[in-house]
Amino acid sequence: MRFADSPAEVAEFLEKLHATKQDKGAEALWNTEYGGELVPWQFDDSSRYAVYAYSVANDQDTGGGTVTIDQAAGDPVVYLYAEGGG
């Protein structure tokens, strides 16, 4: 999923996910293919992206995922990838 919102709304979104900031750059976490499916986003300039990880306990549909935020956009652009759970 990809969306843009105000900095305050993005911060609230991350808080609700209990997302934690990652040290790895965005290009290290994303490939052009994931699980045999093409991922339409490429992140080749880590200085403009912040990367967060989250997990969802006791949720059979999703085990968690990655949130990548383009901080150089006027309103932050959020890229959300949810991994399949159990």
PDB file of N, CA and C in Angstrom:
ATOM      1  N   MET A   1       0.844  -1.158   0.000  1.00  0.00           N
ATOM      2  CA  MET A   1       0.000   0.000   0.000  1.00  0.00           C
ATOM      3  C   MET A   1       0.897   1.231   0.000  1.00  0.00           C
ATOM      4  N   ARG A   2       0.446   2.259  -0.699  1.00  0.00           N
ATOM      5  CA  ARG A   2       1.178   3.521  -0.735  1.00  0.00           C
ATOM      6  C   ARG A   2       0.186   4.651  -0.490  1.00  0.00           C
ATOM      7  N   PHE A   3       0.539   5.573   0.410  1.00  0.00           N
ATOM      8  CA  PHE A   3      -0.319   6.733   0.659  1.00  0.00           C
ATOM      9  C   PHE A   3       0.516   7.890   1.191  1.00  0.00           C
ATOM     10  N   ALA A   4      -0.046   9.084   1.142  1.00  0.00           N
ATOM     11  CA  ALA A   4       0.599  10.280   1.695  1.00  0.00           C
ATOM     12  C   ALA A   4      -0.327  10.886   2.739  1.00  0.00           C
ATOM     13  N   ASP A   5       0.271  11.499   3.749  1.00  0.00           N
ATOM     14  CA  ASP A   5      -0.519  12.153   4.786  1.00  0.00           C
ATOM     15  C   ASP A   5       0.363  13.180   5.482  1.00  0.00           C
ATOM     16  N   SER A   6      -0.229  13.921   6.392  1.00  0.00           N
ATOM     17  CA  SER A   6       0.528  14.938   7.120  1.00  0.00           C
ATOM     18  C   SER A   6       1.536  14.263   8.049  1.00  0.00           C
ATOM     19  N   PRO A   7       2.597  14.973   8.414  1.00  0.00           N
ATOM     20  CA  PRO A   7       3.573  14.405   9.353  1.00  0.00           C
ATOM     21  C   PRO A   7       2.925  13.927  10.660  1.00  0.00           C
ATOM     22  N   ALA A   8       1.957  14.668  11.172  1.00  0.00           N
ATOM     23  CA  ALA A   8       1.302  14.277  12.426  1.00  0.00           C
ATOM     24  C   ALA A   8       0.527  12.967  12.259  1.00  0.00           C
ATOM     25  N   GLU A   9      -0.171  12.818  11.145  1.00  0.00           N
ATOM     26  CA  GLU A   9      -0.941  11.594  10.897  1.00  0.00           C
ATOM     27  C   GLU A   9      -0.016  10.397  10.692  1.00  0.00           C
ATOM     28  N   VAL A  10       1.100  10.602  10.014  1.00  0.00           N
ATOM     29  CA  VAL A  10       2.067   9.517   9.809  1.00  0.00           C
ATOM     30  C   VAL A  10       2.656   9.093  11.157  1.00  0.00           C
ATOM     31  N   ALA A  11       2.984  10.056  12.002  1.00  0.00           N
ATOM     32  CA  ALA A  11       3.519   9.735  13.327  1.00  0.00           C
ATOM     33  C   ALA A  11       2.491   8.943  14.140  1.00  0.00           C
ATOM     34  N   GLU A  12       1.231   9.323  14.066  1.00  0.00           N
ATOM     35  CA  GLU A  12       0.173   8.607  14.783  1.00  0.00           C
ATOM     36  C   GLU A  12       0.020   7.183  14.237  1.00  0.00           C
ATOM     37  N   PHE A  13       0.101   7.032  12.928  1.00  0.00           N
ATOM     38  CA  PHE A  13       0.023   5.726  12.286  1.00  0.00           C
ATOM     39  C   PHE A  13       1.138   4.808  12.796  1.00  0.00           C
ATOM     40  N   LEU A  14       2.375   5.318  12.828  1.00  0.00           N
ATOM     41  CA  LEU A  14       3.511   4.540  13.316  1.00  0.00           C
ATOM     42  C   LEU A  14       3.342   4.166  14.787  1.00  0.00           C
ATOM     43  N   GLU A  15       2.807   5.092  15.563  1.00  0.00           N
ATOM     44  CA  GLU A  15       2.582   4.835  16.982  1.00  0.00           C
ATOM     45  C   GLU A  15       1.555   3.718  17.171  1.00  0.00           C
ATOM     46  N   LYS A  16       0.483   3.759  16.408  1.00  0.00           N
ATOM     47  CA  LYS A  16      -0.557   2.727  16.527  1.00  0.00           C
ATOM     48  C   LYS A  16      -0.036   1.355  16.122  1.00  0.00           C
ATOM     49  N   LEU A  17       0.900   1.310  15.187  1.00  0.00           N
ATOM     50  CA  LEU A  17       1.508   0.040  14.782  1.00  0.00           C
ATOM     51  C   LEU A  17       2.569  -0.438  15.764  1.00  0.00           C
ATOM     52  N   HIS A  18       2.979   0.437  16.692  1.00  0.00           N
ATOM     53  CA  HIS A  18       4.111   0.172  17.576  1.00  0.00           C
ATOM     54  C   HIS A  18       5.358  -0.118  16.734  1.00  0.00           C
ATOM     55  N   ALA A  19       5.519   0.638  15.669  1.00  0.00           N
ATOM     56  CA  ALA A  19       6.629   0.448  14.731  1.00  0.00           C
ATOM     57  C   ALA A  19       7.926   0.952  15.347  1.00  0.00           C
ATOM     58  N   THR A  20       8.999   0.244  15.060  1.00  0.00           N
ATOM     59  CA  THR A  20      10.312   0.637  15.561  1.00  0.00           C
ATOM     60  C   THR A  20      11.226   0.982  14.391  1.00  0.00           C
ATOM     61  N   LYS A  21      11.969   2.060  14.559  1.00  0.00           N
ATOM     62  CA  LYS A  21      12.871   2.518  13.505  1.00  0.00           C
ATOM     63  C   LYS A  21      14.009   1.523  13.326  1.00  0.00           C
ATOM     64  N   GLN A  22      14.348   1.254  12.078  1.00  0.00           N
ATOM     65  CA  GLN A  22      15.398   0.306  11.733  1.00  0.00           C
ATOM     66  C   GLN A  22      16.669   1.048  11.342  1.00  0.00           C
ATOM     67  N   ASP A  23      17.802   0.397  11.552  1.00  0.00           N
ATOM     68  CA  ASP A  23      19.085   0.980  11.179  1.00  0.00           C
ATOM     69  C   ASP A  23      19.415   0.753   9.709  1.00  0.00           C
ATOM     70  N   LYS A  24      18.822  -0.276   9.115  1.00  0.00           N
ATOM     71  CA  LYS A  24      19.110  -0.594   7.720  1.00  0.00           C
ATOM     72  C   LYS A  24      18.464   0.421   6.793  1.00  0.00           C
ATOM     73  N   GLY A  25      19.111   0.644   5.672  1.00  0.00           N
ATOM     74  CA  GLY A  25      18.551   1.532   4.673  1.00  0.00           C
ATOM     75  C   GLY A  25      17.440   0.852   3.895  1.00  0.00           C
ATOM     76  N   ALA A  26      16.622   1.627   3.282  1.00  0.00           N
ATOM     77  CA  ALA A  26      15.467   1.107   2.549  1.00  0.00           C
ATOM     78  C   ALA A  26      15.885   0.178   1.430  1.00  0.00           C
ATOM     79  N   GLU A  27      16.988   0.474   0.756  1.00  0.00           N
ATOM     80  CA  GLU A  27      17.396  -0.362  -0.371  1.00  0.00           C
ATOM     81  C   GLU A  27      17.809  -1.756   0.087  1.00  0.00           C
ATOM     82  N   ALA A  28      18.198  -1.915   1.350  1.00  0.00           N
ATOM     83  CA  ALA A  28      18.588  -3.223   1.868  1.00  0.00           C
ATOM     84  C   ALA A  28      17.379  -4.086   2.196  1.00  0.00           C
ATOM     85  N   LEU A  29      16.222  -3.475   2.409  1.00  0.00           N
ATOM     86  CA  LEU A  29      15.039  -4.228   2.815  1.00  0.00           C
ATOM     87  C   LEU A  29      14.108  -4.560   1.661  1.00  0.00           C
ATOM     88  N   TRP A  30      14.248  -3.880   0.560  1.00  0.00           N
ATOM     89  CA  TRP A  30      13.337  -4.084  -0.568  1.00  0.00           C
ATOM     90  C   TRP A  30      14.087  -4.598  -1.773  1.00  0.00           C
ATOM     91  N   ASN A  31      13.506  -5.567  -2.412  1.00  0.00           N
ATOM     92  CA  ASN A  31      14.007  -6.070  -3.685  1.00  0.00           C
ATOM     93  C   ASN A  31      12.928  -5.791  -4.724  1.00  0.00           C
ATOM     94  N   THR A  32      13.273  -5.946  -5.978  1.00  0.00           N
ATOM     95  CA  THR A  32      12.251  -5.754  -7.006  1.00  0.00           C
ATOM     96  C   THR A  32      11.326  -6.957  -7.088  1.00  0.00           C
ATOM     97  N   GLU A  33      11.694  -8.048  -6.401  1.00  0.00           N
ATOM     98  CA  GLU A  33      10.824  -9.216  -6.365  1.00  0.00           C
ATOM     99  C   GLU A  33      10.768  -9.729  -4.938  1.00  0.00           C
ATOM    100  N   TYR A  34       9.575 -10.055  -4.469  1.00  0.00           N
ATOM    101  CA  TYR A  34       9.409 -10.572  -3.120  1.00  0.00           C
ATOM    102  C   TYR A  34       8.414 -11.722  -3.182  1.00  0.00           C
ATOM    103  N   GLY A  35       8.832 -12.896  -2.815  1.00  0.00           N
ATOM    104  CA  GLY A  35       7.938 -14.048  -2.832  1.00  0.00           C
ATOM    105  C   GLY A  35       7.409 -14.359  -4.224  1.00  0.00           C
ATOM    106  N   GLY A  36       8.221 -14.082  -5.248  1.00  0.00           N
ATOM    107  CA  GLY A  36       7.805 -14.355  -6.615  1.00  0.00           C
ATOM    108  C   GLY A  36       6.957 -13.263  -7.243  1.00  0.00           C
ATOM    109  N   GLU A  37       6.619 -12.238  -6.483  1.00  0.00           N
ATOM    110  CA  GLU A  37       5.808 -11.142  -7.014  1.00  0.00           C
ATOM    111  C   GLU A  37       6.662  -9.890  -7.152  1.00  0.00           C
ATOM    112  N   LEU A  38       6.441  -9.142  -8.224  1.00  0.00           N
ATOM    113  CA  LEU A  38       7.180  -7.891  -8.418  1.00  0.00           C
ATOM    114  C   LEU A  38       6.721  -6.843  -7.422  1.00  0.00           C
ATOM    115  N   VAL A  39       7.667  -6.163  -6.829  1.00  0.00           N
ATOM    116  CA  VAL A  39       7.376  -5.050  -5.932  1.00  0.00           C
ATOM    117  C   VAL A  39       7.590  -3.776  -6.739  1.00  0.00           C
ATOM    118  N   PRO A  40       6.575  -2.923  -6.868  1.00  0.00           N
ATOM    119  CA  PRO A  40       6.687  -1.776  -7.770  1.00  0.00           C
ATOM    120  C   PRO A  40       7.512  -0.612  -7.249  1.00  0.00           C
ATOM    121  N   TRP A  41       8.068  -0.716  -6.068  1.00  0.00           N
ATOM    122  CA  TRP A  41       8.791   0.406  -5.487  1.00  0.00           C
ATOM    123  C   TRP A  41      10.278   0.087  -5.428  1.00  0.00           C
ATOM    124  N   GLN A  42      11.086   1.095  -5.692  1.00  0.00           N
ATOM    125  CA  GLN A  42      12.528   0.964  -5.545  1.00  0.00           C
ATOM    126  C   GLN A  42      13.027   2.127  -4.705  1.00  0.00           C
ATOM    127  N   PHE A  43      13.903   1.829  -3.771  1.00  0.00           N
ATOM    128  CA  PHE A  43      14.431   2.841  -2.862  1.00  0.00           C
ATOM    129  C   PHE A  43      15.944   2.838  -2.968  1.00  0.00           C
ATOM    130  N   ASP A  44      16.483   3.726  -3.778  1.00  0.00           N
ATOM    131  CA  ASP A  44      17.923   3.700  -4.003  1.00  0.00           C
ATOM    132  C   ASP A  44      18.658   4.870  -3.364  1.00  0.00           C
ATOM    133  N   ASP A  45      17.973   5.672  -2.570  1.00  0.00           N
ATOM    134  CA  ASP A  45      18.597   6.802  -1.882  1.00  0.00           C
ATOM    135  C   ASP A  45      18.184   6.747  -0.414  1.00  0.00           C
ATOM    136  N   SER A  46      18.917   5.985   0.383  1.00  0.00           N
ATOM    137  CA  SER A  46      18.509   5.766   1.772  1.00  0.00           C
ATOM    138  C   SER A  46      18.447   7.031   2.608  1.00  0.00           C
ATOM    139  N   SER A  47      19.142   8.076   2.213  1.00  0.00           N
ATOM    140  CA  SER A  47      19.138   9.281   3.030  1.00  0.00           C
ATOM    141  C   SER A  47      17.766   9.954   3.059  1.00  0.00           C
ATOM    142  N   ARG A  48      16.919   9.684   2.091  1.00  0.00           N
ATOM    143  CA  ARG A  48      15.604  10.329   2.084  1.00  0.00           C
ATOM    144  C   ARG A  48      14.501   9.472   2.688  1.00  0.00           C
ATOM    145  N   TYR A  49      14.817   8.205   3.047  1.00  0.00           N
ATOM    146  CA  TYR A  49      13.799   7.291   3.562  1.00  0.00           C
ATOM    147  C   TYR A  49      14.074   6.895   5.001  1.00  0.00           C
ATOM    148  N   ALA A  50      13.024   6.797   5.783  1.00  0.00           N
ATOM    149  CA  ALA A  50      13.096   6.227   7.131  1.00  0.00           C
ATOM    150  C   ALA A  50      12.385   4.881   7.067  1.00  0.00           C
ATOM    151  N   VAL A  51      12.969   3.874   7.713  1.00  0.00           N
ATOM    152  CA  VAL A  51      12.427   2.523   7.655  1.00  0.00           C
ATOM    153  C   VAL A  51      12.018   2.089   9.056  1.00  0.00           C
ATOM    154  N   TYR A  52      10.816   1.538   9.170  1.00  0.00           N
ATOM    155  CA  TYR A  52      10.274   1.050  10.433  1.00  0.00           C
ATOM    156  C   TYR A  52       9.784  -0.381  10.242  1.00  0.00           C
ATOM    157  N   ALA A  53       9.827  -1.163  11.300  1.00  0.00           N
ATOM    158  CA  ALA A  53       9.272  -2.516  11.281  1.00  0.00           C
ATOM    159  C   ALA A  53       8.194  -2.599  12.347  1.00  0.00           C
ATOM    160  N   TYR A  54       7.211  -3.457  12.083  1.00  0.00           N
ATOM    161  CA  TYR A  54       6.154  -3.678  13.059  1.00  0.00           C
ATOM    162  C   TYR A  54       5.758  -5.143  13.033  1.00  0.00           C
ATOM    163  N   SER A  55       5.152  -5.601  14.110  1.00  0.00           N
ATOM    164  CA  SER A  55       4.616  -6.958  14.152  1.00  0.00           C
ATOM    165  C   SER A  55       3.254  -6.905  14.821  1.00  0.00           C
ATOM    166  N   VAL A  56       2.423  -7.862  14.452  1.00  0.00           N
ATOM    167  CA  VAL A  56       1.075  -7.926  14.987  1.00  0.00           C
ATOM    168  C   VAL A  56       0.927  -9.272  15.693  1.00  0.00           C
ATOM    169  N   ALA A  57       0.830  -9.243  17.009  1.00  0.00           N
ATOM    170  CA  ALA A  57       0.715 -10.471  17.786  1.00  0.00           C
ATOM    171  C   ALA A  57      -0.695 -11.046  17.654  1.00  0.00           C
ATOM    172  N   ASN A  58      -0.787 -12.351  17.618  1.00  0.00           N
ATOM    173  CA  ASN A  58      -2.069 -13.065  17.588  1.00  0.00           C
ATOM    174  C   ASN A  58      -2.944 -12.680  16.409  1.00  0.00           C
ATOM    175  N   ASP A  59      -2.347 -12.358  15.282  1.00  0.00           N
ATOM    176  CA  ASP A  59      -3.096 -12.028  14.068  1.00  0.00           C
ATOM    177  C   ASP A  59      -2.723 -13.064  13.017  1.00  0.00           C
ATOM    178  N   GLN A  60      -3.686 -13.873  12.603  1.00  0.00           N
ATOM    179  CA  GLN A  60      -3.399 -14.953  11.672  1.00  0.00           C
ATOM    180  C   GLN A  60      -3.268 -14.469  10.237  1.00  0.00           C
ATOM    181  N   ASP A  61      -3.726 -13.274   9.927  1.00  0.00           N
ATOM    182  CA  ASP A  61      -3.669 -12.766   8.559  1.00  0.00           C
ATOM    183  C   ASP A  61      -2.366 -12.052   8.249  1.00  0.00           C
ATOM    184  N   THR A  62      -1.781 -11.425   9.234  1.00  0.00           N
ATOM    185  CA  THR A  62      -0.523 -10.717   9.002  1.00  0.00           C
ATOM    186  C   THR A  62       0.391 -10.872  10.211  1.00  0.00           C
ATOM    187  N   GLY A  63       1.638 -11.139   9.953  1.00  0.00           N
ATOM    188  CA  GLY A  63       2.594 -11.273  11.042  1.00  0.00           C
ATOM    189  C   GLY A  63       3.316  -9.980  11.330  1.00  0.00           C
ATOM    190  N   GLY A  64       3.179  -9.009  10.456  1.00  0.00           N
ATOM    191  CA  GLY A  64       3.871  -7.739  10.609  1.00  0.00           C
ATOM    192  C   GLY A  64       4.308  -7.227   9.263  1.00  0.00           C
ATOM    193  N   GLY A  65       5.274  -6.346   9.269  1.00  0.00           N
ATOM    194  CA  GLY A  65       5.730  -5.817   8.001  1.00  0.00           C
ATOM    195  C   GLY A  65       6.698  -4.680   8.146  1.00  0.00           C
ATOM    196  N   THR A  66       6.833  -3.940   7.064  1.00  0.00           N
ATOM    197  CA  THR A  66       7.785  -2.841   6.970  1.00  0.00           C
ATOM    198  C   THR A  66       7.067  -1.587   6.503  1.00  0.00           C
ATOM    199  N   VAL A  67       7.415  -0.473   7.110  1.00  0.00           N
ATOM    200  CA  VAL A  67       6.905   0.835   6.703  1.00  0.00           C
ATOM    201  C   VAL A  67       8.114   1.659   6.268  1.00  0.00           C
ATOM    202  N   THR A  68       8.088   2.131   5.036  1.00  0.00           N
ATOM    203  CA  THR A  68       9.159   2.981   4.519  1.00  0.00           C
ATOM    204  C   THR A  68       8.553   4.346   4.228  1.00  0.00           C
ATOM    205  N   ILE A  69       9.185   5.395   4.726  1.00  0.00           N
ATOM    206  CA  ILE A  69       8.627   6.739   4.598  1.00  0.00           C
ATOM    207  C   ILE A  69       9.582   7.621   3.810  1.00  0.00           C
ATOM    208  N   ASP A  70       9.050   8.212   2.745  1.00  0.00           N
ATOM    209  CA  ASP A  70       9.804   9.184   1.955  1.00  0.00           C
ATOM    210  C   ASP A  70       9.699  10.513   2.669  1.00  0.00           C
ATOM    211  N   GLN A  71      10.770  10.910   3.326  1.00  0.00           N
ATOM    212  CA  GLN A  71      10.781  12.128   4.128  1.00  0.00           C
ATOM    213  C   GLN A  71      11.027  13.385   3.301  1.00  0.00           C
ATOM    214  N   ALA A  72      11.390  13.222   2.023  1.00  0.00           N
ATOM    215  CA  ALA A  72      11.689  14.372   1.171  1.00  0.00           C
ATOM    216  C   ALA A  72      10.443  14.921   0.488  1.00  0.00           C
ATOM    217  N   ALA A  73       9.343  14.182   0.556  1.00  0.00           N
ATOM    218  CA  ALA A  73       8.103  14.644  -0.067  1.00  0.00           C
ATOM    219  C   ALA A  73       7.486  15.745   0.801  1.00  0.00           C
ATOM    220  N   GLY A  74       6.642  16.582   0.207  1.00  0.00           N
ATOM    221  CA  GLY A  74       5.972  17.648   0.957  1.00  0.00           C
ATOM    222  C   GLY A  74       5.224  17.080   2.149  1.00  0.00           C
ATOM    223  N   ASP A  75       4.252  16.210   1.898  1.00  0.00           N
ATOM    224  CA  ASP A  75       3.646  15.387   2.935  1.00  0.00           C
ATOM    225  C   ASP A  75       4.316  14.034   2.814  1.00  0.00           C
ATOM    226  N   PRO A  76       4.723  13.429   3.930  1.00  0.00           N
ATOM    227  CA  PRO A  76       5.429  12.158   3.841  1.00  0.00           C
ATOM    228  C   PRO A  76       4.640  11.126   3.036  1.00  0.00           C
ATOM    229  N   VAL A  77       5.340  10.409   2.175  1.00  0.00           N
ATOM    230  CA  VAL A  77       4.742   9.315   1.415  1.00  0.00           C
ATOM    231  C   VAL A  77       5.110   8.028   2.135  1.00  0.00           C
ATOM    232  N   VAL A  78       4.097   7.236   2.448  1.00  0.00           N
ATOM    233  CA  VAL A  78       4.269   6.019   3.225  1.00  0.00           C
ATOM    234  C   VAL A  78       4.095   4.810   2.315  1.00  0.00           C
ATOM    235  N   TYR A  79       5.052   3.891   2.383  1.00  0.00           N
ATOM    236  CA  TYR A  79       4.982   2.626   1.663  1.00  0.00           C
ATOM    237  C   TYR A  79       4.854   1.540   2.722  1.00  0.00           C
ATOM    238  N   LEU A  80       3.767   0.805   2.696  1.00  0.00           N
ATOM    239  CA  LEU A  80       3.492  -0.214   3.712  1.00  0.00           C
ATOM    240  C   LEU A  80       3.528  -1.580   3.061  1.00  0.00           C
ATOM    241  N   TYR A  81       4.353  -2.466   3.617  1.00  0.00           N
ATOM    242  CA  TYR A  81       4.384  -3.844   3.158  1.00  0.00           C
ATOM    243  C   TYR A  81       4.015  -4.741   4.329  1.00  0.00           C
ATOM    244  N   ALA A  82       2.935  -5.497   4.196  1.00  0.00           N
ATOM    245  CA  ALA A  82       2.493  -6.422   5.251  1.00  0.00           C
ATOM    246  C   ALA A  82       2.864  -7.832   4.831  1.00  0.00           C
ATOM    247  N   GLU A  83       3.544  -8.532   5.721  1.00  0.00           N
ATOM    248  CA  GLU A  83       3.921  -9.911   5.463  1.00  0.00           C
ATOM    249  C   GLU A  83       2.797 -10.826   5.909  1.00  0.00           C
ATOM    250  N   GLY A  84       2.675 -11.953   5.260  1.00  0.00           N
ATOM    251  CA  GLY A  84       1.682 -12.942   5.653  1.00  0.00           C
ATOM    252  C   GLY A  84       2.025 -13.554   6.979  1.00  0.00           C
ATOM    253  N   GLY A  85       1.024 -13.869   7.770  1.00  0.00           N
ATOM    254  CA  GLY A  85       1.229 -14.463   9.079  1.00  0.00           C
ATOM    255  C   GLY A  85       1.248 -15.968   9.019  1.00  0.00           C
ATOM    256  N   GLY A  86       0.598 -16.564   9.998  1.00  0.00           N
ATOM    257  CA  GLY A  86       0.638 -18.011  10.124  1.00  0.00           C
ATOM    258  C   GLY A  86      -0.431 -18.646   9.379  1.00  0.00           C
TER     259      GLY A  86
END
